[in-house]
Amino acid sequence: MISTDTHFYDGKLSDIVAFMRPEIDRAKLTPIEIQTKNLFELKNHLTVNSLACYGVIVNTLQIHKKSKSSPNYDAINDMFACDLLWLLYEKIVVEGSNDHVVLLREAFEDMNTGLCPVGRTVRLLSVLVMLRDDLTPTSKVVH
């Protein structure tokens, strides 16, 4: 079953989060100054309709840093929206993935309906994993 309600997935993404944890942790260790600089480069790939939600994530990073009280922090999945967005920066700017650009723009437009931390991270995580070929529809890692 696929749901457009991001809260449907609360607590149900543990396999995907565990699979992505090394990348998420690598992003978490990237200095905020580098993430902020890189995320400003990502802005050039976004549409006007997707800039509002992008701005919320980047501005929140600059104000709250990576505090667990930050509106970017998803306590259910223990990850920050800014870290996932930075991983998408790598896909889009560094690797040149146009498919990720299209999906990210759509995810940002979907975020206009609500900006809760879990909604942000679930949408960004879905963009990160949607184009992978090493996951199955049951979110179990394929070995």
N, C-alpha and C. Protein backbone atom coordinates (compact mmCIF):
# COMPACT_ATOMS: atom_id res chain seq x y z
N MET A 1 0.84 -1.17 0.00
CA MET A 1 0.00 0.00 0.00
C MET A 1 0.88 1.24 0.00
N ILE A 2 0.59 2.17 -0.85
CA ILE A 2 1.31 3.44 -0.91
C ILE A 2 0.36 4.52 -0.43
N SER A 3 0.85 5.40 0.43
CA SER A 3 0.02 6.46 0.99
C SER A 3 0.68 7.80 0.72
N THR A 4 -0.14 8.82 0.47
CA THR A 4 0.38 10.18 0.32
C THR A 4 0.44 10.89 1.66
N ASP A 5 -0.11 10.28 2.70
CA ASP A 5 -0.04 10.82 4.05
C ASP A 5 1.29 10.39 4.66
N THR A 6 2.21 11.32 4.80
CA THR A 6 3.54 10.96 5.28
C THR A 6 3.50 10.33 6.67
N HIS A 7 2.51 10.68 7.48
CA HIS A 7 2.43 10.11 8.83
C HIS A 7 2.00 8.64 8.82
N PHE A 8 1.49 8.17 7.70
CA PHE A 8 1.19 6.75 7.55
C PHE A 8 2.47 5.94 7.76
N TYR A 9 3.62 6.54 7.40
CA TYR A 9 4.90 5.84 7.45
C TYR A 9 5.63 5.99 8.78
N ASP A 10 5.06 6.73 9.73
CA ASP A 10 5.72 6.92 11.02
C ASP A 10 6.06 5.56 11.64
N GLY A 11 7.33 5.37 11.92
CA GLY A 11 7.78 4.14 12.55
C GLY A 11 7.84 2.93 11.64
N LYS A 12 7.51 3.09 10.35
CA LYS A 12 7.48 1.96 9.42
C LYS A 12 8.66 1.94 8.46
N LEU A 13 9.57 2.87 8.62
CA LEU A 13 10.68 2.99 7.67
C LEU A 13 12.01 2.50 8.25
N SER A 14 11.95 1.73 9.30
CA SER A 14 13.18 1.37 10.01
C SER A 14 14.18 0.63 9.12
N ASP A 15 13.71 -0.24 8.21
CA ASP A 15 14.64 -0.96 7.34
C ASP A 15 15.34 -0.01 6.37
N ILE A 16 14.59 0.92 5.81
CA ILE A 16 15.19 1.88 4.87
C ILE A 16 16.13 2.82 5.61
N VAL A 17 15.69 3.30 6.76
CA VAL A 17 16.54 4.20 7.55
C VAL A 17 17.83 3.48 7.95
N ALA A 18 17.72 2.22 8.37
CA ALA A 18 18.91 1.45 8.75
C ALA A 18 19.85 1.28 7.55
N PHE A 19 19.28 1.02 6.38
CA PHE A 19 20.08 0.87 5.17
C PHE A 19 20.79 2.17 4.82
N MET A 20 20.11 3.29 5.00
CA MET A 20 20.66 4.60 4.66
C MET A 20 21.50 5.21 5.78
N ARG A 21 21.49 4.61 6.96
CA ARG A 21 22.15 5.18 8.14
C ARG A 21 23.61 5.58 7.89
N PRO A 22 24.45 4.76 7.20
CA PRO A 22 25.82 5.22 6.98
C PRO A 22 25.90 6.54 6.21
N GLU A 23 25.04 6.71 5.20
CA GLU A 23 25.04 7.96 4.45
C GLU A 23 24.49 9.10 5.30
N ILE A 24 23.42 8.83 6.05
CA ILE A 24 22.83 9.84 6.92
C ILE A 24 23.85 10.29 7.97
N ASP A 25 24.56 9.35 8.55
CA ASP A 25 25.57 9.69 9.56
C ASP A 25 26.73 10.47 8.95
N ARG A 26 27.11 10.12 7.73
CA ARG A 26 28.18 10.88 7.04
C ARG A 26 27.74 12.32 6.84
N ALA A 27 26.49 12.51 6.43
CA ALA A 27 25.96 13.86 6.24
C ALA A 27 25.91 14.61 7.57
N LYS A 28 25.52 13.90 8.63
CA LYS A 28 25.41 14.53 9.95
C LYS A 28 26.77 15.05 10.41
N LEU A 29 27.85 14.38 10.01
CA LEU A 29 29.19 14.77 10.41
C LEU A 29 29.79 15.88 9.54
N THR A 30 29.13 16.19 8.44
CA THR A 30 29.61 17.26 7.57
C THR A 30 29.38 18.60 8.26
N PRO A 31 30.41 19.43 8.35
CA PRO A 31 30.25 20.72 9.04
C PRO A 31 29.10 21.55 8.46
N ILE A 32 28.41 22.24 9.34
CA ILE A 32 27.25 23.05 8.94
C ILE A 32 27.65 24.09 7.90
N GLU A 33 28.84 24.67 8.02
CA GLU A 33 29.27 25.69 7.05
C GLU A 33 29.37 25.10 5.65
N ILE A 34 29.88 23.89 5.54
CA ILE A 34 29.99 23.23 4.23
C ILE A 34 28.60 22.88 3.72
N GLN A 35 27.76 22.32 4.58
CA GLN A 35 26.41 21.99 4.14
C GLN A 35 25.68 23.23 3.64
N THR A 36 25.78 24.32 4.39
CA THR A 36 25.08 25.55 4.00
C THR A 36 25.57 26.05 2.64
N LYS A 37 26.89 26.07 2.46
CA LYS A 37 27.46 26.51 1.18
C LYS A 37 26.96 25.62 0.04
N ASN A 38 27.00 24.32 0.24
CA ASN A 38 26.56 23.38 -0.79
C ASN A 38 25.07 23.51 -1.07
N LEU A 39 24.28 23.70 -0.03
CA LEU A 39 22.84 23.82 -0.22
C LEU A 39 22.47 25.07 -0.99
N PHE A 40 23.28 26.14 -0.87
CA PHE A 40 23.03 27.32 -1.68
C PHE A 40 23.26 27.02 -3.17
N GLU A 41 24.20 26.13 -3.48
CA GLU A 41 24.42 25.71 -4.86
C GLU A 41 23.21 24.92 -5.38
N LEU A 42 22.61 24.12 -4.51
CA LEU A 42 21.44 23.33 -4.89
C LEU A 42 20.27 24.22 -5.28
N LYS A 43 20.17 25.37 -4.66
CA LYS A 43 19.06 26.30 -4.92
C LYS A 43 18.90 26.60 -6.41
N ASN A 44 20.00 26.65 -7.14
CA ASN A 44 19.96 26.96 -8.57
C ASN A 44 19.21 25.92 -9.39
N HIS A 45 18.97 24.75 -8.83
CA HIS A 45 18.29 23.67 -9.55
C HIS A 45 16.80 23.59 -9.23
N LEU A 46 16.33 24.50 -8.39
CA LEU A 46 14.95 24.42 -7.94
C LEU A 46 14.05 25.41 -8.67
N THR A 47 12.77 25.14 -8.63
CA THR A 47 11.78 26.02 -9.23
C THR A 47 11.26 27.01 -8.19
N VAL A 48 10.58 28.04 -8.64
CA VAL A 48 10.00 29.03 -7.73
C VAL A 48 9.06 28.34 -6.74
N ASN A 49 8.27 27.39 -7.21
CA ASN A 49 7.32 26.70 -6.34
C ASN A 49 7.98 25.84 -5.27
N SER A 50 9.22 25.46 -5.48
CA SER A 50 9.89 24.60 -4.50
C SER A 50 10.82 25.37 -3.57
N LEU A 51 10.99 26.65 -3.81
CA LEU A 51 11.95 27.43 -3.01
C LEU A 51 11.49 27.70 -1.58
N ALA A 52 10.20 27.79 -1.34
CA ALA A 52 9.72 28.11 0.01
C ALA A 52 10.14 27.02 0.99
N CYS A 53 9.88 25.78 0.67
CA CYS A 53 10.22 24.68 1.58
C CYS A 53 11.73 24.49 1.68
N TYR A 54 12.42 24.67 0.58
CA TYR A 54 13.89 24.64 0.60
C TYR A 54 14.39 25.69 1.59
N GLY A 55 13.85 26.89 1.49
CA GLY A 55 14.26 27.99 2.36
C GLY A 55 14.01 27.70 3.83
N VAL A 56 12.90 27.06 4.13
CA VAL A 56 12.60 26.71 5.53
C VAL A 56 13.68 25.78 6.07
N ILE A 57 14.06 24.78 5.30
CA ILE A 57 15.07 23.82 5.77
C ILE A 57 16.43 24.49 5.95
N VAL A 58 16.85 25.28 4.97
CA VAL A 58 18.17 25.92 5.03
C VAL A 58 18.20 26.98 6.12
N ASN A 59 17.15 27.79 6.22
CA ASN A 59 17.12 28.82 7.27
C ASN A 59 17.09 28.19 8.66
N THR A 60 16.35 27.10 8.81
CA THR A 60 16.30 26.40 10.09
C THR A 60 17.68 25.86 10.45
N LEU A 61 18.42 25.35 9.46
CA LEU A 61 19.78 24.87 9.71
C LEU A 61 20.65 26.00 10.23
N GLN A 62 20.55 27.17 9.62
CA GLN A 62 21.38 28.30 10.01
C GLN A 62 21.03 28.81 11.41
N ILE A 63 19.76 28.78 11.76
CA ILE A 63 19.32 29.31 13.05
C ILE A 63 19.49 28.29 14.18
N HIS A 64 19.01 27.07 13.96
CA HIS A 64 18.97 26.07 15.03
C HIS A 64 20.14 25.09 14.98
N LYS A 65 20.96 25.20 13.95
CA LYS A 65 22.06 24.25 13.74
C LYS A 65 21.50 22.83 13.71
N LYS A 66 22.13 21.89 14.38
CA LYS A 66 21.63 20.51 14.39
C LYS A 66 21.24 20.11 15.81
N SER A 67 20.44 20.96 16.40
CA SER A 67 19.91 20.68 17.73
C SER A 67 18.72 19.75 17.59
N LYS A 68 18.57 18.84 18.53
CA LYS A 68 17.44 17.92 18.48
C LYS A 68 16.12 18.64 18.77
N SER A 69 16.18 19.92 19.12
CA SER A 69 14.96 20.71 19.26
C SER A 69 14.66 21.49 17.97
N SER A 70 15.50 21.31 16.97
CA SER A 70 15.34 21.99 15.68
C SER A 70 14.11 21.47 14.94
N PRO A 71 13.39 22.34 14.26
CA PRO A 71 12.27 21.89 13.41
C PRO A 71 12.72 21.00 12.24
N ASN A 72 14.03 20.89 12.01
CA ASN A 72 14.53 19.98 10.97
C ASN A 72 14.74 18.56 11.50
N TYR A 73 14.61 18.36 12.82
CA TYR A 73 14.91 17.06 13.40
C TYR A 73 13.67 16.18 13.48
N ASP A 74 13.79 14.98 12.96
CA ASP A 74 12.74 13.96 13.00
C ASP A 74 13.12 12.98 14.10
N ALA A 75 12.46 13.07 15.25
CA ALA A 75 12.79 12.22 16.39
C ALA A 75 12.37 10.77 16.16
N ILE A 76 11.35 10.55 15.35
CA ILE A 76 10.89 9.18 15.10
C ILE A 76 11.96 8.38 14.36
N ASN A 77 12.60 9.01 13.38
CA ASN A 77 13.61 8.32 12.57
C ASN A 77 15.04 8.76 12.87
N ASP A 78 15.21 9.65 13.85
CA ASP A 78 16.52 10.14 14.27
C ASP A 78 17.36 10.65 13.10
N MET A 79 16.81 11.64 12.40
CA MET A 79 17.56 12.25 11.30
C MET A 79 17.07 13.68 11.08
N PHE A 80 17.93 14.45 10.42
CA PHE A 80 17.66 15.85 10.13
C PHE A 80 17.33 16.03 8.65
N ALA A 81 16.35 16.88 8.36
CA ALA A 81 15.98 17.18 6.98
C ALA A 81 17.16 17.79 6.23
N CYS A 82 17.96 18.62 6.90
CA CYS A 82 19.09 19.26 6.23
C CYS A 82 20.14 18.24 5.80
N ASP A 83 20.32 17.16 6.56
CA ASP A 83 21.28 16.13 6.17
C ASP A 83 20.78 15.39 4.92
N LEU A 84 19.50 15.08 4.88
CA LEU A 84 18.94 14.41 3.70
C LEU A 84 19.01 15.32 2.48
N LEU A 85 18.73 16.60 2.70
CA LEU A 85 18.82 17.55 1.59
C LEU A 85 20.26 17.65 1.10
N TRP A 86 21.22 17.59 2.00
CA TRP A 86 22.62 17.64 1.59
C TRP A 86 23.00 16.40 0.79
N LEU A 87 22.47 15.24 1.17
CA LEU A 87 22.71 14.03 0.37
C LEU A 87 22.10 14.17 -1.02
N LEU A 88 20.98 14.86 -1.10
CA LEU A 88 20.38 15.12 -2.43
C LEU A 88 21.21 16.13 -3.21
N TYR A 89 21.84 17.09 -2.53
CA TYR A 89 22.79 17.99 -3.18
C TYR A 89 23.86 17.17 -3.90
N GLU A 90 24.39 16.14 -3.20
CA GLU A 90 25.42 15.30 -3.82
C GLU A 90 24.89 14.62 -5.09
N LYS A 91 23.67 14.10 -5.02
CA LYS A 91 23.09 13.43 -6.18
C LYS A 91 22.88 14.41 -7.33
N ILE A 92 22.38 15.59 -7.02
CA ILE A 92 21.96 16.54 -8.06
C ILE A 92 23.13 17.36 -8.58
N VAL A 93 23.88 17.99 -7.70
CA VAL A 93 24.96 18.90 -8.12
C VAL A 93 26.24 18.14 -8.43
N VAL A 94 26.65 17.24 -7.55
CA VAL A 94 27.92 16.55 -7.73
C VAL A 94 27.81 15.47 -8.80
N GLU A 95 26.75 14.63 -8.71
CA GLU A 95 26.61 13.53 -9.66
C GLU A 95 25.79 13.90 -10.90
N GLY A 96 25.09 15.02 -10.87
CA GLY A 96 24.33 15.48 -12.03
C GLY A 96 23.05 14.70 -12.32
N SER A 97 22.38 14.20 -11.29
CA SER A 97 21.17 13.40 -11.47
C SER A 97 19.94 14.28 -11.72
N ASN A 98 19.51 14.34 -12.97
CA ASN A 98 18.30 15.10 -13.31
C ASN A 98 17.05 14.45 -12.75
N ASP A 99 17.05 13.13 -12.63
CA ASP A 99 15.88 12.44 -12.07
C ASP A 99 15.66 12.86 -10.62
N HIS A 100 16.73 13.02 -9.86
CA HIS A 100 16.59 13.46 -8.47
C HIS A 100 16.09 14.91 -8.41
N VAL A 101 16.47 15.74 -9.36
CA VAL A 101 16.00 17.13 -9.40
C VAL A 101 14.48 17.15 -9.52
N VAL A 102 13.96 16.39 -10.47
CA VAL A 102 12.52 16.35 -10.71
C VAL A 102 11.79 15.87 -9.46
N LEU A 103 12.27 14.80 -8.86
CA LEU A 103 11.63 14.25 -7.66
C LEU A 103 11.72 15.22 -6.48
N LEU A 104 12.86 15.90 -6.32
CA LEU A 104 13.01 16.85 -5.23
C LEU A 104 12.07 18.03 -5.40
N ARG A 105 11.96 18.55 -6.59
CA ARG A 105 11.02 19.65 -6.83
C ARG A 105 9.60 19.25 -6.45
N GLU A 106 9.21 18.06 -6.85
CA GLU A 106 7.87 17.57 -6.53
C GLU A 106 7.70 17.40 -5.02
N ALA A 107 8.73 16.86 -4.35
CA ALA A 107 8.65 16.68 -2.90
C ALA A 107 8.50 18.02 -2.19
N PHE A 108 9.24 19.04 -2.64
CA PHE A 108 9.12 20.36 -2.04
C PHE A 108 7.73 20.94 -2.26
N GLU A 109 7.18 20.74 -3.44
CA GLU A 109 5.83 21.24 -3.70
C GLU A 109 4.82 20.52 -2.81
N ASP A 110 5.02 19.22 -2.58
CA ASP A 110 4.16 18.47 -1.66
C ASP A 110 4.29 18.99 -0.23
N MET A 111 5.49 19.43 0.15
CA MET A 111 5.71 19.93 1.50
C MET A 111 4.92 21.20 1.78
N ASN A 112 4.47 21.87 0.74
CA ASN A 112 3.69 23.08 0.96
C ASN A 112 2.40 22.79 1.72
N THR A 113 1.99 21.52 1.78
CA THR A 113 0.78 21.15 2.51
C THR A 113 1.06 20.95 4.00
N GLY A 114 2.30 20.92 4.39
CA GLY A 114 2.66 20.75 5.79
C GLY A 114 4.15 20.59 5.95
N LEU A 115 4.70 21.23 6.96
CA LEU A 115 6.16 21.25 7.13
C LEU A 115 6.63 20.61 8.43
N CYS A 116 5.91 19.64 8.94
CA CYS A 116 6.37 19.01 10.17
C CYS A 116 7.69 18.28 9.91
N PRO A 117 8.53 18.12 10.92
CA PRO A 117 9.83 17.48 10.73
C PRO A 117 9.75 16.09 10.11
N VAL A 118 8.82 15.27 10.55
CA VAL A 118 8.71 13.91 9.99
C VAL A 118 8.30 13.98 8.52
N GLY A 119 7.38 14.86 8.20
CA GLY A 119 6.96 15.01 6.81
C GLY A 119 8.12 15.43 5.91
N ARG A 120 8.94 16.33 6.40
CA ARG A 120 10.12 16.77 5.64
C ARG A 120 11.06 15.60 5.38
N THR A 121 11.39 14.89 6.45
CA THR A 121 12.38 13.83 6.29
C THR A 121 11.85 12.66 5.48
N VAL A 122 10.59 12.29 5.67
CA VAL A 122 10.03 11.17 4.90
C VAL A 122 10.02 11.50 3.41
N ARG A 123 9.64 12.72 3.07
CA ARG A 123 9.62 13.10 1.65
C ARG A 123 11.04 13.12 1.07
N LEU A 124 11.98 13.69 1.80
CA LEU A 124 13.36 13.74 1.30
C LEU A 124 13.98 12.35 1.24
N LEU A 125 13.72 11.53 2.24
CA LEU A 125 14.22 10.15 2.22
C LEU A 125 13.65 9.39 1.03
N SER A 126 12.38 9.61 0.73
CA SER A 126 11.78 8.90 -0.40
C SER A 126 12.44 9.30 -1.71
N VAL A 127 12.81 10.57 -1.84
CA VAL A 127 13.51 11.00 -3.05
C VAL A 127 14.87 10.31 -3.14
N LEU A 128 15.56 10.21 -2.00
CA LEU A 128 16.87 9.56 -2.00
C LEU A 128 16.81 8.10 -2.40
N VAL A 129 15.80 7.38 -1.93
CA VAL A 129 15.77 5.94 -2.17
C VAL A 129 14.95 5.54 -3.39
N MET A 130 14.13 6.42 -3.91
CA MET A 130 13.23 6.07 -5.00
C MET A 130 13.95 5.54 -6.24
N LEU A 131 15.11 6.04 -6.52
CA LEU A 131 15.82 5.65 -7.73
C LEU A 131 16.88 4.58 -7.49
N ARG A 132 16.94 4.06 -6.29
CA ARG A 132 17.91 2.99 -5.99
C ARG A 132 17.39 1.68 -6.56
N ASP A 133 18.29 0.82 -6.94
CA ASP A 133 17.88 -0.50 -7.44
C ASP A 133 18.26 -1.62 -6.47
N ASP A 134 18.66 -1.25 -5.26
CA ASP A 134 19.04 -2.27 -4.29
C ASP A 134 18.04 -2.38 -3.13
N LEU A 135 16.82 -1.88 -3.34
CA LEU A 135 15.74 -2.01 -2.37
C LEU A 135 14.55 -2.67 -3.05
N THR A 136 13.77 -3.41 -2.28
CA THR A 136 12.57 -4.04 -2.81
C THR A 136 11.34 -3.24 -2.36
N PRO A 137 10.16 -3.53 -2.95
CA PRO A 137 8.95 -2.80 -2.55
C PRO A 137 8.60 -2.97 -1.07
N THR A 138 9.10 -3.99 -0.43
CA THR A 138 8.82 -4.19 1.00
C THR A 138 9.80 -3.43 1.87
N SER A 139 10.65 -2.64 1.29
CA SER A 139 11.69 -1.84 1.95
C SER A 139 12.75 -2.69 2.61
N LYS A 140 12.89 -3.91 2.17
CA LYS A 140 13.98 -4.76 2.64
C LYS A 140 15.15 -4.62 1.68
N VAL A 141 16.32 -4.59 2.21
CA VAL A 141 17.52 -4.45 1.40
C VAL A 141 17.74 -5.74 0.60
N VAL A 142 18.05 -5.57 -0.68
CA VAL A 142 18.37 -6.71 -1.53
C VAL A 142 19.87 -6.92 -1.49
N HIS A 143 20.31 -8.12 -1.19
CA HIS A 143 21.75 -8.41 -1.11
C HIS A 143 22.20 -9.18 -2.32
